[in-house]
Every structure is written in structure tokens, then in C-alpha cells.
Amino acid sequence: MGEEERREEDTASPFARLEYEEWLRHQNPHLGVEKSGVVVKLLLLLAGVGALLLVLYLVFFI
């Protein structure tokens, strides 16, 4: 990345960055899916850990 590009990036408004991210998503639609896929995996992992803790609690404390 050149110095001029870096300067333009630093001075870009938040709205311009959002516009760029929106444009980038349309150019590479799979990127948004990857991000949401990671979130879904983390939520499933959290649910699994919660279920495991519930089972352990029921087995040992009731």
C-alpha cells in the first residue's frame, strides 16, 4: 500500500468506510457468509458447553 493510499484511508469518513465495505461485500459475497458462519459456530460451541455444564450439574448435585 502506498503512502497516498494510506493517507486517504486514514482520512476517510466512517460513512465512506461503510460504503466501501458494502461495495466489497457485493464484490465478494462469500466474505459476509464466512463472518456469519464463524459467529454461528461460536454460538453453537457456547450452547454445547452450556448443555455440558447443565448435565454435569444435574448428575453431581441432584
PDB file of N, CA and C in Angstrom:
ATOM      1  N   MET A   1       0.856  -1.172   0.000  1.00  0.00           N
ATOM      2  CA  MET A   1       0.000   0.000   0.000  1.00  0.00           C
ATOM      3  C   MET A   1       0.897   1.228   0.000  1.00  0.00           C
ATOM      4  N   GLY A   2       0.620   2.160  -0.873  1.00  0.00           N
ATOM      5  CA  GLY A   2       1.429   3.358  -0.984  1.00  0.00           C
ATOM      6  C   GLY A   2       1.089   4.373   0.087  1.00  0.00           C
ATOM      7  N   GLU A   3       1.961   5.349   0.223  1.00  0.00           N
ATOM      8  CA  GLU A   3       1.756   6.399   1.232  1.00  0.00           C
ATOM      9  C   GLU A   3       0.478   7.176   0.965  1.00  0.00           C
ATOM     10  N   GLU A   4       0.202   7.451  -0.302  1.00  0.00           N
ATOM     11  CA  GLU A   4      -1.004   8.207  -0.652  1.00  0.00           C
ATOM     12  C   GLU A   4      -2.264   7.416  -0.301  1.00  0.00           C
ATOM     13  N   GLU A   5      -2.260   6.115  -0.588  1.00  0.00           N
ATOM     14  CA  GLU A   5      -3.421   5.284  -0.248  1.00  0.00           C
ATOM     15  C   GLU A   5      -3.622   5.243   1.259  1.00  0.00           C
ATOM     16  N   ARG A   6      -2.533   5.145   1.993  1.00  0.00           N
ATOM     17  CA  ARG A   6      -2.629   5.088   3.451  1.00  0.00           C
ATOM     18  C   ARG A   6      -3.207   6.390   3.990  1.00  0.00           C
ATOM     19  N   ARG A   7      -2.788   7.529   3.415  1.00  0.00           N
ATOM     20  CA  ARG A   7      -3.312   8.823   3.843  1.00  0.00           C
ATOM     21  C   ARG A   7      -4.800   8.919   3.556  1.00  0.00           C
ATOM     22  N   GLU A   8      -5.209   8.457   2.371  1.00  0.00           N
ATOM     23  CA  GLU A   8      -6.631   8.505   2.023  1.00  0.00           C
ATOM     24  C   GLU A   8      -7.438   7.630   2.966  1.00  0.00           C
ATOM     25  N   GLU A   9      -6.898   6.473   3.318  1.00  0.00           N
ATOM     26  CA  GLU A   9      -7.604   5.559   4.211  1.00  0.00           C
ATOM     27  C   GLU A   9      -7.758   6.168   5.600  1.00  0.00           C
ATOM     28  N   ASP A  10      -6.708   6.840   6.084  1.00  0.00           N
ATOM     29  CA  ASP A  10      -6.749   7.447   7.413  1.00  0.00           C
ATOM     30  C   ASP A  10      -7.760   8.583   7.496  1.00  0.00           C
ATOM     31  N   THR A  11      -7.950   9.315   6.399  1.00  0.00           N
ATOM     32  CA  THR A  11      -8.835  10.474   6.432  1.00  0.00           C
ATOM     33  C   THR A  11     -10.249  10.152   5.976  1.00  0.00           C
ATOM     34  N   ALA A  12     -10.523   8.910   5.612  1.00  0.00           N
ATOM     35  CA  ALA A  12     -11.860   8.549   5.134  1.00  0.00           C
ATOM     36  C   ALA A  12     -12.867   8.646   6.282  1.00  0.00           C
ATOM     37  N   SER A  13     -14.049   9.137   5.964  1.00  0.00           N
ATOM     38  CA  SER A  13     -15.090   9.245   6.982  1.00  0.00           C
ATOM     39  C   SER A  13     -15.657   7.859   7.279  1.00  0.00           C
ATOM     40  N   PRO A  14     -16.288   7.694   8.439  1.00  0.00           N
ATOM     41  CA  PRO A  14     -16.909   6.401   8.754  1.00  0.00           C
ATOM     42  C   PRO A  14     -17.947   5.997   7.705  1.00  0.00           C
ATOM     43  N   PHE A  15     -18.683   6.975   7.181  1.00  0.00           N
ATOM     44  CA  PHE A  15     -19.678   6.665   6.159  1.00  0.00           C
ATOM     45  C   PHE A  15     -19.008   6.123   4.898  1.00  0.00           C
ATOM     46  N   ALA A  16     -17.882   6.722   4.527  1.00  0.00           N
ATOM     47  CA  ALA A  16     -17.159   6.253   3.340  1.00  0.00           C
ATOM     48  C   ALA A  16     -16.638   4.839   3.557  1.00  0.00           C
ATOM     49  N   ARG A  17     -16.193   4.551   4.765  1.00  0.00           N
ATOM     50  CA  ARG A  17     -15.722   3.186   5.059  1.00  0.00           C
ATOM     51  C   ARG A  17     -16.865   2.192   4.965  1.00  0.00           C
ATOM     52  N   LEU A  18     -18.040   2.571   5.486  1.00  0.00           N
ATOM     53  CA  LEU A  18     -19.196   1.680   5.387  1.00  0.00           C
ATOM     54  C   LEU A  18     -19.583   1.442   3.938  1.00  0.00           C
ATOM     55  N   GLU A  19     -19.544   2.495   3.145  1.00  0.00           N
ATOM     56  CA  GLU A  19     -19.838   2.354   1.719  1.00  0.00           C
ATOM     57  C   GLU A  19     -18.848   1.402   1.055  1.00  0.00           C
ATOM     58  N   TYR A  20     -17.569   1.553   1.409  1.00  0.00           N
ATOM     59  CA  TYR A  20     -16.545   0.687   0.831  1.00  0.00           C
ATOM     60  C   TYR A  20     -16.770  -0.763   1.251  1.00  0.00           C
ATOM     61  N   GLU A  21     -17.084  -1.002   2.532  1.00  0.00           N
ATOM     62  CA  GLU A  21     -17.335  -2.366   2.996  1.00  0.00           C
ATOM     63  C   GLU A  21     -18.553  -2.966   2.301  1.00  0.00           C
ATOM     64  N   GLU A  22     -19.583  -2.161   2.100  1.00  0.00           N
ATOM     65  CA  GLU A  22     -20.771  -2.629   1.383  1.00  0.00           C
ATOM     66  C   GLU A  22     -20.413  -3.003  -0.053  1.00  0.00           C
ATOM     67  N   TRP A  23     -19.634  -2.148  -0.703  1.00  0.00           N
ATOM     68  CA  TRP A  23     -19.207  -2.431  -2.072  1.00  0.00           C
ATOM     69  C   TRP A  23     -18.365  -3.699  -2.113  1.00  0.00           C
ATOM     70  N   LEU A  24     -17.478  -3.863  -1.129  1.00  0.00           N
ATOM     71  CA  LEU A  24     -16.611  -5.033  -1.081  1.00  0.00           C
ATOM     72  C   LEU A  24     -17.430  -6.304  -0.885  1.00  0.00           C
ATOM     73  N   ARG A  25     -18.480  -6.223  -0.060  1.00  0.00           N
ATOM     74  CA  ARG A  25     -19.349  -7.394   0.141  1.00  0.00           C
ATOM     75  C   ARG A  25     -20.015  -7.802  -1.158  1.00  0.00           C
ATOM     76  N   HIS A  26     -20.408  -6.821  -1.961  1.00  0.00           N
ATOM     77  CA  HIS A  26     -21.028  -7.147  -3.247  1.00  0.00           C
ATOM     78  C   HIS A  26     -20.009  -7.737  -4.213  1.00  0.00           C
ATOM     79  N   GLN A  27     -18.755  -7.336  -4.087  1.00  0.00           N
ATOM     80  CA  GLN A  27     -17.714  -7.891  -4.948  1.00  0.00           C
ATOM     81  C   GLN A  27     -17.362  -9.317  -4.537  1.00  0.00           C
ATOM     82  N   ASN A  28     -17.363  -9.574  -3.234  1.00  0.00           N
ATOM     83  CA  ASN A  28     -17.014 -10.885  -2.677  1.00  0.00           C
ATOM     84  C   ASN A  28     -18.116 -11.320  -1.712  1.00  0.00           C
ATOM     85  N   PRO A  29     -19.234 -11.809  -2.211  1.00  0.00           N
ATOM     86  CA  PRO A  29     -20.360 -12.121  -1.319  1.00  0.00           C
ATOM     87  C   PRO A  29     -20.045 -13.207  -0.296  1.00  0.00           C
ATOM     88  N   HIS A  30     -19.093 -14.070  -0.589  1.00  0.00           N
ATOM     89  CA  HIS A  30     -18.789 -15.144   0.352  1.00  0.00           C
ATOM     90  C   HIS A  30     -18.111 -14.638   1.622  1.00  0.00           C
ATOM     91  N   LEU A  31     -17.552 -13.431   1.619  1.00  0.00           N
ATOM     92  CA  LEU A  31     -16.883 -12.917   2.808  1.00  0.00           C
ATOM     93  C   LEU A  31     -17.866 -12.712   3.956  1.00  0.00           C
ATOM     94  N   GLY A  32     -19.033 -12.174   3.672  1.00  0.00           N
ATOM     95  CA  GLY A  32     -20.040 -11.976   4.708  1.00  0.00           C
ATOM     96  C   GLY A  32     -20.535 -13.291   5.273  1.00  0.00           C
ATOM     97  N   VAL A  33     -20.624 -14.295   4.415  1.00  0.00           N
ATOM     98  CA  VAL A  33     -21.075 -15.610   4.861  1.00  0.00           C
ATOM     99  C   VAL A  33     -20.044 -16.221   5.797  1.00  0.00           C
ATOM    100  N   GLU A  34     -18.767 -16.045   5.483  1.00  0.00           N
ATOM    101  CA  GLU A  34     -17.720 -16.576   6.349  1.00  0.00           C
ATOM    102  C   GLU A  34     -17.797 -15.956   7.730  1.00  0.00           C
ATOM    103  N   LYS A  35     -17.991 -14.653   7.796  1.00  0.00           N
ATOM    104  CA  LYS A  35     -18.049 -13.983   9.089  1.00  0.00           C
ATOM    105  C   LYS A  35     -19.239 -14.486   9.895  1.00  0.00           C
ATOM    106  N   SER A  36     -20.406 -14.586   9.263  1.00  0.00           N
ATOM    107  CA  SER A  36     -21.577 -15.044   9.998  1.00  0.00           C
ATOM    108  C   SER A  36     -21.437 -16.520  10.347  1.00  0.00           C
ATOM    109  N   GLY A  37     -20.754 -17.293   9.515  1.00  0.00           N
ATOM    110  CA  GLY A  37     -20.519 -18.704   9.819  1.00  0.00           C
ATOM    111  C   GLY A  37     -19.681 -18.869  11.073  1.00  0.00           C
ATOM    112  N   VAL A  38     -18.709 -18.002  11.254  1.00  0.00           N
ATOM    113  CA  VAL A  38     -17.870 -18.051  12.447  1.00  0.00           C
ATOM    114  C   VAL A  38     -18.710 -17.738  13.675  1.00  0.00           C
ATOM    115  N   VAL A  39     -19.585 -16.764  13.566  1.00  0.00           N
ATOM    116  CA  VAL A  39     -20.449 -16.400  14.692  1.00  0.00           C
ATOM    117  C   VAL A  39     -21.362 -17.564  15.053  1.00  0.00           C
ATOM    118  N   VAL A  40     -21.931 -18.218  14.052  1.00  0.00           N
ATOM    119  CA  VAL A  40     -22.813 -19.363  14.305  1.00  0.00           C
ATOM    120  C   VAL A  40     -22.038 -20.483  14.985  1.00  0.00           C
ATOM    121  N   LYS A  41     -20.825 -20.753  14.525  1.00  0.00           N
ATOM    122  CA  LYS A  41     -20.012 -21.806  15.150  1.00  0.00           C
ATOM    123  C   LYS A  41     -19.713 -21.476  16.602  1.00  0.00           C
ATOM    124  N   LEU A  42     -19.398 -20.212  16.886  1.00  0.00           N
ATOM    125  CA  LEU A  42     -19.118 -19.829  18.266  1.00  0.00           C
ATOM    126  C   LEU A  42     -20.357 -19.961  19.146  1.00  0.00           C
ATOM    127  N   LEU A  43     -21.516 -19.590  18.611  1.00  0.00           N
ATOM    128  CA  LEU A  43     -22.754 -19.727  19.383  1.00  0.00           C
ATOM    129  C   LEU A  43     -23.083 -21.192  19.645  1.00  0.00           C
ATOM    130  N   LEU A  44     -22.872 -22.052  18.656  1.00  0.00           N
ATOM    131  CA  LEU A  44     -23.107 -23.484  18.853  1.00  0.00           C
ATOM    132  C   LEU A  44     -22.144 -24.056  19.889  1.00  0.00           C
ATOM    133  N   LEU A  45     -20.900 -23.629  19.848  1.00  0.00           N
ATOM    134  CA  LEU A  45     -19.925 -24.075  20.839  1.00  0.00           C
ATOM    135  C   LEU A  45     -20.341 -23.635  22.237  1.00  0.00           C
ATOM    136  N   LEU A  46     -20.785 -22.397  22.362  1.00  0.00           N
ATOM    137  CA  LEU A  46     -21.239 -21.886  23.652  1.00  0.00           C
ATOM    138  C   LEU A  46     -22.455 -22.668  24.153  1.00  0.00           C
ATOM    139  N   ALA A  47     -23.392 -22.974  23.256  1.00  0.00           N
ATOM    140  CA  ALA A  47     -24.570 -23.756  23.640  1.00  0.00           C
ATOM    141  C   ALA A  47     -24.160 -25.158  24.078  1.00  0.00           C
ATOM    142  N   GLY A  48     -23.205 -25.756  23.388  1.00  0.00           N
ATOM    143  CA  GLY A  48     -22.725 -27.090  23.755  1.00  0.00           C
ATOM    144  C   GLY A  48     -22.075 -27.097  25.125  1.00  0.00           C
ATOM    145  N   VAL A  49     -21.260 -26.097  25.401  1.00  0.00           N
ATOM    146  CA  VAL A  49     -20.608 -26.000  26.708  1.00  0.00           C
ATOM    147  C   VAL A  49     -21.659 -25.798  27.796  1.00  0.00           C
ATOM    148  N   GLY A  50     -22.653 -24.967  27.524  1.00  0.00           N
ATOM    149  CA  GLY A  50     -23.724 -24.755  28.497  1.00  0.00           C
ATOM    150  C   GLY A  50     -24.502 -26.030  28.772  1.00  0.00           C
ATOM    151  N   ALA A  51     -24.794 -26.795  27.725  1.00  0.00           N
ATOM    152  CA  ALA A  51     -25.515 -28.061  27.898  1.00  0.00           C
ATOM    153  C   ALA A  51     -24.672 -29.045  28.709  1.00  0.00           C
ATOM    154  N   LEU A  52     -23.388 -29.104  28.437  1.00  0.00           N
ATOM    155  CA  LEU A  52     -22.499 -29.995  29.183  1.00  0.00           C
ATOM    156  C   LEU A  52     -22.453 -29.611  30.657  1.00  0.00           C
ATOM    157  N   LEU A  53     -22.355 -28.325  30.941  1.00  0.00           N
ATOM    158  CA  LEU A  53     -22.346 -27.874  32.333  1.00  0.00           C
ATOM    159  C   LEU A  53     -23.664 -28.195  33.033  1.00  0.00           C
ATOM    160  N   LEU A  54     -24.764 -28.061  32.328  1.00  0.00           N
ATOM    161  CA  LEU A  54     -26.066 -28.394  32.907  1.00  0.00           C
ATOM    162  C   LEU A  54     -26.148 -29.874  33.243  1.00  0.00           C
ATOM    163  N   VAL A  55     -25.694 -30.726  32.347  1.00  0.00           N
ATOM    164  CA  VAL A  55     -25.713 -32.174  32.593  1.00  0.00           C
ATOM    165  C   VAL A  55     -24.825 -32.514  33.784  1.00  0.00           C
ATOM    166  N   LEU A  56     -23.634 -31.941  33.844  1.00  0.00           N
ATOM    167  CA  LEU A  56     -22.744 -32.210  34.976  1.00  0.00           C
ATOM    168  C   LEU A  56     -23.364 -31.754  36.290  1.00  0.00           C
ATOM    169  N   TYR A  57     -24.012 -30.608  36.278  1.00  0.00           N
ATOM    170  CA  TYR A  57     -24.683 -30.116  37.481  1.00  0.00           C
ATOM    171  C   TYR A  57     -25.789 -31.080  37.914  1.00  0.00           C
ATOM    172  N   LEU A  58     -26.598 -31.531  36.950  1.00  0.00           N
ATOM    173  CA  LEU A  58     -27.695 -32.439  37.279  1.00  0.00           C
ATOM    174  C   LEU A  58     -27.182 -33.778  37.795  1.00  0.00           C
ATOM    175  N   VAL A  59     -26.092 -34.264  37.259  1.00  0.00           N
ATOM    176  CA  VAL A  59     -25.556 -35.563  37.672  1.00  0.00           C
ATOM    177  C   VAL A  59     -24.940 -35.489  39.065  1.00  0.00           C
ATOM    178  N   PHE A  60     -24.177 -34.457  39.347  1.00  0.00           N
ATOM    179  CA  PHE A  60     -23.418 -34.424  40.593  1.00  0.00           C
ATOM    180  C   PHE A  60     -24.107 -33.707  41.749  1.00  0.00           C
ATOM    181  N   PHE A  61     -25.070 -32.835  41.485  1.00  0.00           N
ATOM    182  CA  PHE A  61     -25.646 -32.050  42.574  1.00  0.00           C
ATOM    183  C   PHE A  61     -27.119 -32.323  42.828  1.00  0.00           C
ATOM    184  N   ILE A  62     -27.717 -33.222  42.090  1.00  0.00           N
ATOM    185  CA  ILE A  62     -29.132 -33.535  42.347  1.00  0.00           C
ATOM    186  C   ILE A  62     -29.279 -35.015  42.600  1.00  0.00           C
TER     187      ILE A  62
END
